[in-house]
Amino acid sequence: MYYEPGKTPHGLPHDPFKSCVIPRPIGWISTISRDGQHNLAPYSQFQNVTFDPPIVMFSANQDTGGQRKDSVVNAEETGEFVWNMATYDLREAVNLTAQELPHGVDEFAHAGLDKLPSRLVKPARVKGSPIQFECQYLNTLRFPGGSTMGTADVVFGRVVAVHIDDAALTAEGLIDVLKIRPIARMGYYDYTSVDSAFSMVIPGNSQALLAGLEGSADKAKAAQQN
């Protein structure tokens, strides 16, 4: 099949676009408003941007009423947000925080989640989430859409603190991905979780290239000096 988005129909019962870019990690973003109201929402258009310094982004479409999401507004106004890893055990809570609730409702309470204090930023962390990034807001890129919800705000933040539950690490000091089972967004109403893994090393033994693959700033700098 072939179609041109916005110009020709795809002819399928459901739009296939989001189902072609899979799996997408969940940006479970917690923020706090200027007047102290907590907010928590998942975004499947989330990713790390670079590792030196560590920067992440999440993209938030406008809500069904054409308003900017609280996560975006709060991050811009306070200069802070937290990313919480969404896991299989927390899947139902993640889904509850995806609801479009009235402004000011605390999604932590709505989903039955407990808060953990952050160290360098004000937004709370999700208790039970095995990994969290405390982030300082950098900037927003706004892309106008062809519909009310099509307009998107892409928010970038620098990771200033990382929390990893010791129970989420293997004896070798690696993140035990198969144990914590991060969830990811597919298309339609589908999700997946990480329950298998395999390794591949880029050929050539370039230490600089391998440091970039690992995402180690220290090893990348050391390789450049040698």
N, C-alpha and C. Protein backbone atom coordinates (compact mmCIF):
# COMPACT_ATOMS: atom_id res chain seq x y z
N MET A 1 0.84 -1.19 0.00
CA MET A 1 0.00 0.00 0.00
C MET A 1 0.87 1.24 0.00
N TYR A 2 0.29 2.35 -0.35
CA TYR A 2 0.99 3.64 -0.40
C TYR A 2 -0.03 4.74 -0.17
N TYR A 3 0.33 5.72 0.67
CA TYR A 3 -0.54 6.88 0.83
C TYR A 3 0.31 8.09 1.22
N GLU A 4 -0.23 9.27 1.03
CA GLU A 4 0.44 10.52 1.37
C GLU A 4 -0.36 11.19 2.49
N PRO A 5 0.20 11.22 3.73
CA PRO A 5 -0.55 11.75 4.88
C PRO A 5 -1.09 13.15 4.62
N GLY A 6 -2.37 13.30 4.90
CA GLY A 6 -3.03 14.58 4.72
C GLY A 6 -3.46 14.87 3.30
N LYS A 7 -3.09 13.98 2.36
CA LYS A 7 -3.44 14.21 0.96
C LYS A 7 -4.28 13.07 0.39
N THR A 8 -3.84 11.84 0.63
CA THR A 8 -4.59 10.70 0.10
C THR A 8 -4.96 9.75 1.24
N PRO A 9 -6.10 9.08 1.16
CA PRO A 9 -6.52 8.17 2.24
C PRO A 9 -5.66 6.92 2.27
N HIS A 10 -5.45 6.39 3.50
CA HIS A 10 -4.69 5.15 3.61
C HIS A 10 -5.55 3.92 3.37
N GLY A 11 -6.85 4.08 3.49
CA GLY A 11 -7.75 2.98 3.17
C GLY A 11 -7.82 1.87 4.19
N LEU A 12 -7.21 2.08 5.36
CA LEU A 12 -7.22 1.07 6.41
C LEU A 12 -8.23 1.45 7.49
N PRO A 13 -8.69 0.49 8.28
CA PRO A 13 -9.67 0.81 9.32
C PRO A 13 -9.12 1.71 10.42
N HIS A 14 -7.79 1.71 10.61
CA HIS A 14 -7.16 2.57 11.61
C HIS A 14 -5.91 3.19 11.01
N ASP A 15 -5.60 4.42 11.44
CA ASP A 15 -4.43 5.11 10.92
C ASP A 15 -3.16 4.34 11.33
N PRO A 16 -2.29 3.99 10.37
CA PRO A 16 -1.14 3.14 10.71
C PRO A 16 0.10 3.91 11.17
N PHE A 17 0.10 5.25 11.12
CA PHE A 17 1.34 5.99 11.32
C PHE A 17 2.04 5.66 12.63
N LYS A 18 1.33 5.81 13.75
CA LYS A 18 1.97 5.56 15.04
C LYS A 18 2.39 4.11 15.21
N SER A 19 1.72 3.21 14.50
CA SER A 19 2.05 1.79 14.61
C SER A 19 3.29 1.42 13.81
N CYS A 20 3.81 2.37 13.03
CA CYS A 20 5.01 2.11 12.25
C CYS A 20 6.28 2.50 13.02
N VAL A 21 6.15 3.37 13.99
CA VAL A 21 7.30 3.82 14.78
C VAL A 21 7.17 3.19 16.16
N ILE A 22 7.72 1.98 16.30
CA ILE A 22 7.50 1.19 17.52
C ILE A 22 8.76 0.39 17.86
N PRO A 23 8.92 0.02 19.13
CA PRO A 23 8.14 0.51 20.28
C PRO A 23 8.67 1.86 20.73
N ARG A 24 7.82 2.64 21.38
CA ARG A 24 8.21 3.97 21.85
C ARG A 24 8.23 3.98 23.38
N PRO A 25 9.36 4.36 24.00
CA PRO A 25 9.40 4.41 25.47
C PRO A 25 8.41 5.42 26.01
N ILE A 26 7.97 5.20 27.22
CA ILE A 26 6.98 6.07 27.84
C ILE A 26 7.68 7.18 28.62
N GLY A 27 7.34 8.41 28.30
CA GLY A 27 7.82 9.53 29.09
C GLY A 27 6.79 9.83 30.17
N TRP A 28 6.94 9.21 31.32
CA TRP A 28 5.99 9.41 32.44
C TRP A 28 6.49 10.62 33.21
N ILE A 29 5.90 11.76 32.92
CA ILE A 29 6.44 13.05 33.35
C ILE A 29 5.68 13.61 34.54
N SER A 30 6.40 13.89 35.61
CA SER A 30 5.79 14.55 36.77
C SER A 30 6.28 15.99 36.84
N THR A 31 5.34 16.89 37.13
CA THR A 31 5.65 18.31 37.25
C THR A 31 4.89 18.88 38.43
N ILE A 32 5.16 20.12 38.73
CA ILE A 32 4.42 20.83 39.76
C ILE A 32 4.17 22.25 39.25
N SER A 33 2.98 22.76 39.49
CA SER A 33 2.65 24.10 38.99
C SER A 33 3.24 25.17 39.90
N ARG A 34 3.12 26.40 39.46
CA ARG A 34 3.67 27.50 40.26
C ARG A 34 2.98 27.62 41.61
N ASP A 35 1.71 27.18 41.67
CA ASP A 35 0.99 27.26 42.94
C ASP A 35 1.00 25.93 43.70
N GLY A 36 1.89 25.00 43.31
CA GLY A 36 2.12 23.80 44.09
C GLY A 36 1.25 22.61 43.76
N GLN A 37 0.53 22.61 42.64
CA GLN A 37 -0.30 21.47 42.27
C GLN A 37 0.52 20.44 41.51
N HIS A 38 0.43 19.17 41.94
CA HIS A 38 1.20 18.10 41.31
C HIS A 38 0.47 17.59 40.06
N ASN A 39 1.27 17.18 39.08
CA ASN A 39 0.73 16.64 37.84
C ASN A 39 1.59 15.47 37.38
N LEU A 40 0.95 14.47 36.79
CA LEU A 40 1.66 13.30 36.29
C LEU A 40 0.96 12.80 35.04
N ALA A 41 1.71 12.62 33.96
CA ALA A 41 1.10 12.20 32.70
C ALA A 41 2.12 11.44 31.85
N PRO A 42 1.65 10.42 31.10
CA PRO A 42 2.55 9.66 30.22
C PRO A 42 2.53 10.20 28.79
N TYR A 43 3.71 10.18 28.16
CA TYR A 43 3.85 10.62 26.77
C TYR A 43 4.66 9.57 26.03
N SER A 44 4.09 9.04 24.94
CA SER A 44 4.79 7.99 24.20
C SER A 44 5.74 8.57 23.17
N GLN A 45 5.72 9.87 22.99
CA GLN A 45 6.69 10.52 22.11
C GLN A 45 7.76 11.12 23.01
N PHE A 46 8.66 10.22 23.47
CA PHE A 46 9.68 10.55 24.46
C PHE A 46 10.98 9.88 24.05
N GLN A 47 12.10 10.54 24.35
CA GLN A 47 13.39 9.93 24.02
C GLN A 47 14.53 10.70 24.66
N ASN A 48 15.68 10.02 24.81
CA ASN A 48 16.89 10.76 25.17
C ASN A 48 17.46 11.37 23.90
N VAL A 49 18.08 12.54 24.03
CA VAL A 49 18.58 13.28 22.87
C VAL A 49 20.09 13.11 22.72
N THR A 50 20.81 13.21 23.82
CA THR A 50 22.25 13.02 23.84
C THR A 50 22.66 12.64 25.25
N PHE A 51 23.96 12.27 25.40
CA PHE A 51 24.41 11.78 26.71
C PHE A 51 25.45 12.68 27.37
N ASP A 52 26.01 13.66 26.66
CA ASP A 52 27.05 14.51 27.24
C ASP A 52 26.84 15.96 26.83
N PRO A 53 26.03 16.71 27.61
CA PRO A 53 25.35 16.31 28.85
C PRO A 53 24.07 15.53 28.54
N PRO A 54 23.57 14.76 29.51
CA PRO A 54 22.36 13.99 29.25
C PRO A 54 21.14 14.90 29.09
N ILE A 55 20.46 14.76 27.96
CA ILE A 55 19.28 15.57 27.65
C ILE A 55 18.17 14.65 27.17
N VAL A 56 16.95 14.90 27.62
CA VAL A 56 15.78 14.14 27.19
C VAL A 56 14.74 15.08 26.63
N MET A 57 13.77 14.52 25.91
CA MET A 57 12.68 15.31 25.38
C MET A 57 11.37 14.54 25.48
N PHE A 58 10.27 15.27 25.60
CA PHE A 58 8.95 14.66 25.44
C PHE A 58 8.10 15.59 24.60
N SER A 59 7.26 14.99 23.76
CA SER A 59 6.40 15.75 22.86
C SER A 59 4.95 15.59 23.32
N ALA A 60 4.30 16.71 23.56
CA ALA A 60 2.93 16.70 24.08
C ALA A 60 1.99 17.38 23.09
N ASN A 61 1.07 16.60 22.55
CA ASN A 61 0.02 17.20 21.72
C ASN A 61 -0.93 18.00 22.60
N GLN A 62 -1.66 18.93 22.01
CA GLN A 62 -2.66 19.66 22.77
C GLN A 62 -3.78 18.71 23.18
N ASP A 63 -4.55 19.12 24.20
CA ASP A 63 -5.64 18.25 24.65
C ASP A 63 -6.83 18.36 23.71
N THR A 64 -7.90 17.65 24.01
CA THR A 64 -9.05 17.61 23.11
C THR A 64 -9.75 18.95 22.98
N GLY A 65 -9.48 19.86 23.93
CA GLY A 65 -10.07 21.19 23.85
C GLY A 65 -9.15 22.21 23.22
N GLY A 66 -7.98 21.76 22.74
CA GLY A 66 -7.05 22.68 22.09
C GLY A 66 -6.16 23.44 23.05
N GLN A 67 -6.06 22.96 24.31
CA GLN A 67 -5.23 23.63 25.30
C GLN A 67 -3.89 22.90 25.45
N ARG A 68 -2.86 23.64 25.83
CA ARG A 68 -1.55 23.03 26.07
C ARG A 68 -1.62 22.16 27.32
N LYS A 69 -0.87 21.07 27.32
CA LYS A 69 -0.89 20.15 28.44
C LYS A 69 -0.24 20.78 29.68
N ASP A 70 -0.74 20.38 30.87
CA ASP A 70 -0.19 20.90 32.12
C ASP A 70 1.30 20.60 32.25
N SER A 71 1.73 19.45 31.76
CA SER A 71 3.14 19.09 31.85
C SER A 71 4.02 20.14 31.18
N VAL A 72 3.57 20.62 30.03
CA VAL A 72 4.33 21.62 29.28
C VAL A 72 4.34 22.95 30.01
N VAL A 73 3.15 23.39 30.40
CA VAL A 73 3.03 24.68 31.08
C VAL A 73 3.84 24.69 32.38
N ASN A 74 3.70 23.62 33.15
CA ASN A 74 4.42 23.56 34.43
C ASN A 74 5.93 23.55 34.23
N ALA A 75 6.40 22.78 33.26
CA ALA A 75 7.85 22.72 33.01
C ALA A 75 8.38 24.08 32.60
N GLU A 76 7.63 24.77 31.76
CA GLU A 76 8.08 26.09 31.30
C GLU A 76 8.05 27.12 32.44
N GLU A 77 7.01 27.07 33.25
CA GLU A 77 6.86 28.09 34.29
C GLU A 77 7.77 27.86 35.50
N THR A 78 8.05 26.60 35.80
CA THR A 78 8.89 26.30 36.98
C THR A 78 10.32 25.93 36.61
N GLY A 79 10.54 25.54 35.36
CA GLY A 79 11.87 25.19 34.92
C GLY A 79 12.32 23.80 35.32
N GLU A 80 11.35 22.91 35.66
CA GLU A 80 11.72 21.59 36.16
C GLU A 80 10.69 20.53 35.76
N PHE A 81 11.16 19.29 35.62
CA PHE A 81 10.26 18.14 35.49
C PHE A 81 11.04 16.88 35.84
N VAL A 82 10.31 15.78 36.04
CA VAL A 82 10.92 14.49 36.37
C VAL A 82 10.39 13.44 35.42
N TRP A 83 11.30 12.60 34.91
CA TRP A 83 10.88 11.43 34.15
C TRP A 83 10.92 10.22 35.07
N ASN A 84 9.84 9.44 35.05
CA ASN A 84 9.73 8.21 35.84
C ASN A 84 9.58 7.03 34.89
N MET A 85 10.38 5.98 35.09
CA MET A 85 10.26 4.82 34.22
C MET A 85 8.92 4.11 34.46
N ALA A 86 8.20 3.87 33.38
CA ALA A 86 6.94 3.13 33.44
C ALA A 86 7.23 1.65 33.23
N THR A 87 6.74 0.81 34.14
CA THR A 87 7.01 -0.62 34.08
C THR A 87 5.71 -1.42 33.98
N TYR A 88 5.87 -2.70 33.70
CA TYR A 88 4.70 -3.57 33.57
C TYR A 88 3.87 -3.59 34.85
N ASP A 89 4.55 -3.61 36.00
CA ASP A 89 3.82 -3.64 37.27
C ASP A 89 3.02 -2.36 37.50
N LEU A 90 3.45 -1.26 36.88
CA LEU A 90 2.78 0.03 37.07
C LEU A 90 1.86 0.39 35.90
N ARG A 91 1.61 -0.55 35.00
CA ARG A 91 0.90 -0.26 33.77
C ARG A 91 -0.49 0.34 34.00
N GLU A 92 -1.23 -0.18 34.98
CA GLU A 92 -2.58 0.32 35.22
C GLU A 92 -2.55 1.76 35.73
N ALA A 93 -1.57 2.07 36.57
CA ALA A 93 -1.43 3.43 37.07
C ALA A 93 -1.04 4.37 35.94
N VAL A 94 -0.15 3.91 35.05
CA VAL A 94 0.22 4.72 33.89
C VAL A 94 -1.02 5.05 33.07
N ASN A 95 -1.85 4.07 32.85
CA ASN A 95 -3.07 4.26 32.05
C ASN A 95 -4.03 5.24 32.72
N LEU A 96 -4.15 5.18 34.03
CA LEU A 96 -5.03 6.11 34.74
C LEU A 96 -4.53 7.54 34.65
N THR A 97 -3.21 7.72 34.66
CA THR A 97 -2.68 9.09 34.57
C THR A 97 -2.74 9.64 33.16
N ALA A 98 -3.14 8.81 32.20
CA ALA A 98 -3.31 9.28 30.82
C ALA A 98 -4.67 9.93 30.61
N GLN A 99 -5.56 9.80 31.57
CA GLN A 99 -6.89 10.38 31.42
C GLN A 99 -6.82 11.91 31.39
N GLU A 100 -7.75 12.50 30.66
CA GLU A 100 -7.85 13.95 30.60
C GLU A 100 -8.74 14.41 31.76
N LEU A 101 -8.12 14.77 32.86
CA LEU A 101 -8.82 15.13 34.08
C LEU A 101 -8.93 16.64 34.21
N PRO A 102 -9.86 17.13 35.04
CA PRO A 102 -9.98 18.57 35.24
C PRO A 102 -8.68 19.17 35.76
N HIS A 103 -8.44 20.41 35.38
CA HIS A 103 -7.23 21.10 35.81
C HIS A 103 -7.15 21.13 37.34
N GLY A 104 -5.98 20.80 37.86
CA GLY A 104 -5.77 20.84 39.30
C GLY A 104 -5.90 19.51 39.99
N VAL A 105 -6.42 18.48 39.29
CA VAL A 105 -6.52 17.15 39.88
C VAL A 105 -5.13 16.54 40.00
N ASP A 106 -4.82 15.97 41.14
CA ASP A 106 -3.54 15.33 41.39
C ASP A 106 -3.58 13.91 40.84
N GLU A 107 -2.88 13.66 39.73
CA GLU A 107 -2.90 12.34 39.11
C GLU A 107 -2.24 11.27 39.98
N PHE A 108 -1.31 11.68 40.84
CA PHE A 108 -0.74 10.71 41.78
C PHE A 108 -1.87 10.10 42.63
N ALA A 109 -2.68 10.96 43.20
CA ALA A 109 -3.78 10.50 44.05
C ALA A 109 -4.81 9.74 43.23
N HIS A 110 -5.11 10.23 42.03
CA HIS A 110 -6.10 9.59 41.16
C HIS A 110 -5.71 8.15 40.83
N ALA A 111 -4.40 7.91 40.65
CA ALA A 111 -3.92 6.58 40.28
C ALA A 111 -3.47 5.76 41.49
N GLY A 112 -3.62 6.32 42.70
CA GLY A 112 -3.23 5.60 43.90
C GLY A 112 -1.73 5.45 44.06
N LEU A 113 -0.98 6.44 43.60
CA LEU A 113 0.47 6.40 43.66
C LEU A 113 1.00 7.27 44.80
N ASP A 114 2.07 6.82 45.42
CA ASP A 114 2.73 7.61 46.45
C ASP A 114 3.85 8.44 45.83
N LYS A 115 4.12 9.58 46.44
CA LYS A 115 5.16 10.48 45.96
C LYS A 115 6.45 10.26 46.74
N LEU A 116 7.57 10.43 46.04
CA LEU A 116 8.88 10.47 46.66
C LEU A 116 9.48 11.85 46.39
N PRO A 117 10.16 12.44 47.37
CA PRO A 117 10.76 13.75 47.13
C PRO A 117 11.96 13.64 46.20
N SER A 118 12.14 14.63 45.36
CA SER A 118 13.34 14.72 44.55
C SER A 118 14.41 15.45 45.35
N ARG A 119 15.64 15.46 44.85
CA ARG A 119 16.73 16.10 45.58
C ARG A 119 17.06 17.49 45.05
N LEU A 120 17.04 17.65 43.72
CA LEU A 120 17.47 18.92 43.13
C LEU A 120 16.34 19.71 42.51
N VAL A 121 15.18 19.09 42.33
CA VAL A 121 14.04 19.78 41.73
C VAL A 121 12.82 19.58 42.61
N LYS A 122 11.77 20.36 42.37
CA LYS A 122 10.57 20.30 43.21
C LYS A 122 9.57 19.20 42.82
N PRO A 123 9.39 18.88 41.53
CA PRO A 123 8.41 17.84 41.20
C PRO A 123 8.72 16.52 41.89
N ALA A 124 7.67 15.83 42.31
CA ALA A 124 7.83 14.56 43.02
C ALA A 124 8.16 13.43 42.05
N ARG A 125 8.73 12.36 42.59
CA ARG A 125 8.99 11.14 41.85
C ARG A 125 7.91 10.11 42.19
N VAL A 126 7.73 9.14 41.29
CA VAL A 126 6.75 8.08 41.51
C VAL A 126 7.38 6.97 42.33
N LYS A 127 6.82 6.72 43.50
CA LYS A 127 7.30 5.60 44.33
C LYS A 127 6.95 4.29 43.63
N GLY A 128 7.91 3.40 43.55
CA GLY A 128 7.71 2.14 42.86
C GLY A 128 8.30 2.11 41.47
N SER A 129 8.52 3.29 40.89
CA SER A 129 9.21 3.35 39.61
C SER A 129 10.70 3.11 39.87
N PRO A 130 11.34 2.20 39.14
CA PRO A 130 12.72 1.83 39.48
C PRO A 130 13.78 2.85 39.08
N ILE A 131 13.46 3.74 38.14
CA ILE A 131 14.44 4.73 37.67
C ILE A 131 13.73 6.06 37.45
N GLN A 132 14.37 7.14 37.89
CA GLN A 132 13.83 8.48 37.66
C GLN A 132 14.95 9.44 37.28
N PHE A 133 14.63 10.39 36.41
CA PHE A 133 15.55 11.47 36.05
C PHE A 133 14.97 12.79 36.55
N GLU A 134 15.75 13.53 37.33
CA GLU A 134 15.38 14.90 37.67
C GLU A 134 15.92 15.80 36.57
N CYS A 135 15.07 16.66 36.02
CA CYS A 135 15.45 17.44 34.84
C CYS A 135 15.23 18.94 35.03
N GLN A 136 16.15 19.71 34.48
CA GLN A 136 15.99 21.15 34.39
C GLN A 136 15.53 21.49 32.98
N TYR A 137 14.47 22.26 32.89
CA TYR A 137 13.89 22.63 31.60
C TYR A 137 14.89 23.44 30.77
N LEU A 138 14.98 23.13 29.47
CA LEU A 138 15.84 23.87 28.56
C LEU A 138 15.05 24.77 27.62
N ASN A 139 14.19 24.16 26.81
CA ASN A 139 13.42 24.95 25.86
C ASN A 139 12.29 24.10 25.26
N THR A 140 11.41 24.78 24.54
CA THR A 140 10.28 24.12 23.88
C THR A 140 10.27 24.47 22.40
N LEU A 141 10.07 23.48 21.56
CA LEU A 141 9.81 23.71 20.14
C LEU A 141 8.33 23.42 19.90
N ARG A 142 7.64 24.36 19.31
CA ARG A 142 6.19 24.20 19.09
C ARG A 142 5.92 24.02 17.60
N PHE A 143 5.21 22.92 17.28
CA PHE A 143 4.89 22.61 15.90
C PHE A 143 3.39 22.72 15.70
N PRO A 144 2.93 23.68 14.90
CA PRO A 144 1.49 23.81 14.65
C PRO A 144 0.98 22.61 13.86
N GLY A 145 -0.22 22.18 14.21
CA GLY A 145 -0.80 20.99 13.57
C GLY A 145 -1.94 21.33 12.64
N GLY A 146 -2.41 20.30 11.96
CA GLY A 146 -3.52 20.48 11.05
C GLY A 146 -4.87 20.27 11.71
N SER A 147 -4.86 20.01 13.01
CA SER A 147 -6.10 19.82 13.76
C SER A 147 -5.87 20.32 15.18
N THR A 148 -6.93 20.34 15.96
CA THR A 148 -6.84 20.84 17.34
C THR A 148 -5.77 20.11 18.14
N MET A 149 -5.77 18.79 18.06
CA MET A 149 -4.82 18.02 18.84
C MET A 149 -3.49 17.83 18.12
N GLY A 150 -3.42 18.20 16.85
CA GLY A 150 -2.20 17.98 16.07
C GLY A 150 -1.04 18.85 16.50
N THR A 151 -1.33 20.04 17.01
CA THR A 151 -0.26 20.92 17.46
C THR A 151 0.49 20.28 18.62
N ALA A 152 1.83 20.33 18.56
CA ALA A 152 2.64 19.63 19.56
C ALA A 152 3.71 20.56 20.13
N ASP A 153 3.93 20.42 21.44
CA ASP A 153 5.03 21.09 22.12
C ASP A 153 6.10 20.05 22.43
N VAL A 154 7.31 20.24 21.92
CA VAL A 154 8.41 19.33 22.20
C VAL A 154 9.30 19.99 23.25
N VAL A 155 9.32 19.38 24.42
CA VAL A 155 10.00 19.95 25.59
C VAL A 155 11.33 19.24 25.81
N PHE A 156 12.39 20.02 25.98
CA PHE A 156 13.71 19.47 26.22
C PHE A 156 14.17 19.81 27.64
N GLY A 157 14.85 18.86 28.27
CA GLY A 157 15.36 19.08 29.61
C GLY A 157 16.70 18.41 29.83
N ARG A 158 17.52 19.03 30.63
CA ARG A 158 18.82 18.45 30.98
C ARG A 158 18.68 17.62 32.25
N VAL A 159 19.19 16.40 32.21
CA VAL A 159 19.12 15.50 33.37
C VAL A 159 20.21 15.92 34.36
N VAL A 160 19.77 16.33 35.55
CA VAL A 160 20.72 16.79 36.57
C VAL A 160 20.88 15.80 37.71
N ALA A 161 20.01 14.81 37.79
CA ALA A 161 20.12 13.78 38.83
C ALA A 161 19.42 12.52 38.34
N VAL A 162 20.02 11.37 38.67
CA VAL A 162 19.48 10.07 38.26
C VAL A 162 19.29 9.21 39.50
N HIS A 163 18.11 8.62 39.64
CA HIS A 163 17.81 7.69 40.72
C HIS A 163 17.61 6.31 40.12
N ILE A 164 18.34 5.31 40.63
CA ILE A 164 18.18 3.93 40.20
C ILE A 164 18.02 3.06 41.45
N ASP A 165 16.93 2.35 41.54
CA ASP A 165 16.70 1.44 42.66
C ASP A 165 17.77 0.35 42.64
N ASP A 166 18.44 0.13 43.76
CA ASP A 166 19.48 -0.90 43.82
C ASP A 166 18.94 -2.27 43.42
N ALA A 167 17.67 -2.51 43.68
CA ALA A 167 17.06 -3.79 43.33
C ALA A 167 16.91 -3.96 41.81
N ALA A 168 17.08 -2.87 41.07
CA ALA A 168 16.97 -2.92 39.62
C ALA A 168 18.31 -3.20 38.95
N LEU A 169 19.36 -3.42 39.74
CA LEU A 169 20.70 -3.68 39.21
C LEU A 169 21.07 -5.15 39.36
N THR A 170 21.84 -5.64 38.39
CA THR A 170 22.35 -7.00 38.48
C THR A 170 23.60 -7.01 39.38
N ALA A 171 24.11 -8.20 39.66
CA ALA A 171 25.32 -8.31 40.47
C ALA A 171 26.51 -7.67 39.78
N GLU A 172 26.44 -7.55 38.43
CA GLU A 172 27.53 -6.94 37.67
C GLU A 172 27.38 -5.43 37.55
N GLY A 173 26.32 -4.88 38.16
CA GLY A 173 26.13 -3.44 38.12
C GLY A 173 25.44 -2.93 36.87
N LEU A 174 24.73 -3.80 36.16
CA LEU A 174 23.96 -3.41 34.98
C LEU A 174 22.48 -3.28 35.35
N ILE A 175 21.76 -2.45 34.63
CA ILE A 175 20.32 -2.35 34.85
C ILE A 175 19.67 -3.65 34.39
N ASP A 176 18.91 -4.27 35.27
CA ASP A 176 18.28 -5.56 34.99
C ASP A 176 16.94 -5.31 34.28
N VAL A 177 17.05 -5.09 32.97
CA VAL A 177 15.88 -4.70 32.18
C VAL A 177 14.80 -5.78 32.21
N LEU A 178 15.21 -7.04 32.14
CA LEU A 178 14.22 -8.12 32.11
C LEU A 178 13.50 -8.26 33.43
N LYS A 179 14.11 -7.81 34.51
CA LYS A 179 13.47 -7.87 35.82
C LYS A 179 12.45 -6.74 35.98
N ILE A 180 12.81 -5.55 35.57
CA ILE A 180 11.91 -4.40 35.79
C ILE A 180 10.86 -4.25 34.68
N ARG A 181 11.08 -4.84 33.53
CA ARG A 181 10.11 -4.89 32.43
C ARG A 181 9.54 -3.50 32.09
N PRO A 182 10.34 -2.61 31.54
CA PRO A 182 9.79 -1.33 31.08
C PRO A 182 8.71 -1.56 30.03
N ILE A 183 7.70 -0.72 30.02
CA ILE A 183 6.67 -0.84 28.99
C ILE A 183 6.91 0.22 27.92
N ALA A 184 6.40 -0.07 26.74
CA ALA A 184 6.55 0.84 25.61
C ALA A 184 5.25 0.87 24.82
N ARG A 185 5.04 1.97 24.15
CA ARG A 185 3.82 2.16 23.38
C ARG A 185 3.98 1.57 21.99
N MET A 186 2.98 0.88 21.55
CA MET A 186 2.91 0.41 20.17
C MET A 186 1.93 1.36 19.45
N GLY A 187 1.13 0.82 18.56
CA GLY A 187 0.11 1.63 17.92
C GLY A 187 -1.27 1.27 18.43
N TYR A 188 -2.28 1.93 17.87
CA TYR A 188 -3.66 1.65 18.25
C TYR A 188 -3.81 1.75 19.77
N TYR A 189 -4.26 0.68 20.43
CA TYR A 189 -4.38 0.68 21.90
C TYR A 189 -3.39 -0.31 22.52
N ASP A 190 -2.32 -0.59 21.80
CA ASP A 190 -1.41 -1.67 22.19
C ASP A 190 -0.13 -1.15 22.83
N TYR A 191 0.34 -1.94 23.80
CA TYR A 191 1.62 -1.69 24.46
C TYR A 191 2.43 -2.98 24.40
N THR A 192 3.70 -2.87 24.77
CA THR A 192 4.54 -4.05 24.91
C THR A 192 5.44 -3.85 26.13
N SER A 193 6.09 -4.90 26.56
CA SER A 193 7.06 -4.79 27.64
C SER A 193 8.33 -5.53 27.24
N VAL A 194 9.44 -5.11 27.80
CA VAL A 194 10.72 -5.73 27.47
C VAL A 194 10.85 -7.04 28.24
N ASP A 195 10.83 -8.15 27.51
CA ASP A 195 10.96 -9.46 28.16
C ASP A 195 12.01 -10.33 27.47
N SER A 196 12.79 -9.73 26.57
CA SER A 196 13.91 -10.44 25.95
C SER A 196 14.96 -9.41 25.55
N ALA A 197 16.20 -9.87 25.44
CA ALA A 197 17.29 -8.97 25.08
C ALA A 197 18.38 -9.75 24.37
N PHE A 198 19.11 -9.08 23.47
CA PHE A 198 20.28 -9.66 22.83
C PHE A 198 21.31 -8.56 22.65
N SER A 199 22.58 -8.95 22.49
CA SER A 199 23.67 -7.99 22.41
C SER A 199 24.32 -8.02 21.03
N MET A 200 24.76 -6.84 20.58
CA MET A 200 25.58 -6.72 19.38
C MET A 200 26.60 -5.62 19.63
N VAL A 201 27.85 -5.87 19.29
CA VAL A 201 28.91 -4.89 19.45
C VAL A 201 29.35 -4.43 18.06
N ILE A 202 29.44 -3.13 17.85
CA ILE A 202 29.86 -2.59 16.56
C ILE A 202 31.27 -3.10 16.23
N PRO A 203 31.48 -3.67 15.06
CA PRO A 203 32.80 -4.19 14.71
C PRO A 203 33.86 -3.07 14.64
N GLY A 204 35.12 -3.47 14.83
CA GLY A 204 36.22 -2.53 14.66
C GLY A 204 36.94 -2.14 15.93
N ASN A 205 36.33 -2.39 17.09
CA ASN A 205 36.96 -2.10 18.38
C ASN A 205 37.36 -0.64 18.54
N SER A 206 36.57 0.27 17.96
CA SER A 206 36.80 1.70 18.18
C SER A 206 36.27 2.06 19.56
N GLN A 207 37.19 2.43 20.47
CA GLN A 207 36.78 2.71 21.84
C GLN A 207 35.87 3.94 21.91
N ALA A 208 36.14 4.92 21.05
CA ALA A 208 35.30 6.11 21.03
C ALA A 208 33.89 5.77 20.57
N LEU A 209 33.80 4.92 19.52
CA LEU A 209 32.49 4.52 19.01
C LEU A 209 31.73 3.69 20.03
N LEU A 210 32.43 2.79 20.71
CA LEU A 210 31.78 1.97 21.71
C LEU A 210 31.35 2.80 22.92
N ALA A 211 32.15 3.82 23.26
CA ALA A 211 31.76 4.71 24.36
C ALA A 211 30.48 5.45 24.02
N GLY A 212 30.34 5.85 22.76
CA GLY A 212 29.11 6.51 22.34
C GLY A 212 27.93 5.57 22.37
N LEU A 213 28.16 4.30 21.99
CA LEU A 213 27.08 3.31 22.03
C LEU A 213 26.62 3.09 23.46
N GLU A 214 27.58 3.05 24.39
CA GLU A 214 27.24 2.90 25.81
C GLU A 214 26.59 4.16 26.36
N GLY A 215 27.00 5.30 25.82
CA GLY A 215 26.54 6.58 26.34
C GLY A 215 27.35 7.05 27.52
N SER A 216 28.66 6.73 27.50
CA SER A 216 29.54 7.11 28.61
C SER A 216 30.37 8.32 28.22
N ALA A 217 30.09 9.45 28.85
CA ALA A 217 30.85 10.66 28.56
C ALA A 217 32.30 10.51 28.98
N ASP A 218 32.55 9.86 30.13
CA ASP A 218 33.91 9.70 30.63
C ASP A 218 34.75 8.84 29.66
N LYS A 219 34.17 7.73 29.20
CA LYS A 219 34.91 6.86 28.30
C LYS A 219 35.12 7.52 26.93
N ALA A 220 34.16 8.30 26.49
CA ALA A 220 34.29 9.00 25.21
C ALA A 220 35.42 10.02 25.28
N LYS A 221 35.51 10.76 26.37
CA LYS A 221 36.58 11.74 26.52
C LYS A 221 37.93 11.06 26.63
N ALA A 222 37.99 9.94 27.36
CA ALA A 222 39.25 9.22 27.51
C ALA A 222 39.72 8.66 26.16
N ALA A 223 38.77 8.17 25.33
CA ALA A 223 39.13 7.63 24.04
C ALA A 223 39.67 8.72 23.12
N GLN A 224 39.14 9.92 23.24
CA GLN A 224 39.61 11.03 22.41
C GLN A 224 41.02 11.45 22.78
N GLN A 225 41.38 11.27 24.05
CA GLN A 225 42.70 11.68 24.52
C GLN A 225 43.78 10.67 24.16
N ASN A 226 43.38 9.43 23.86
CA ASN A 226 44.35 8.37 23.55
C ASN A 226 44.67 8.33 22.04
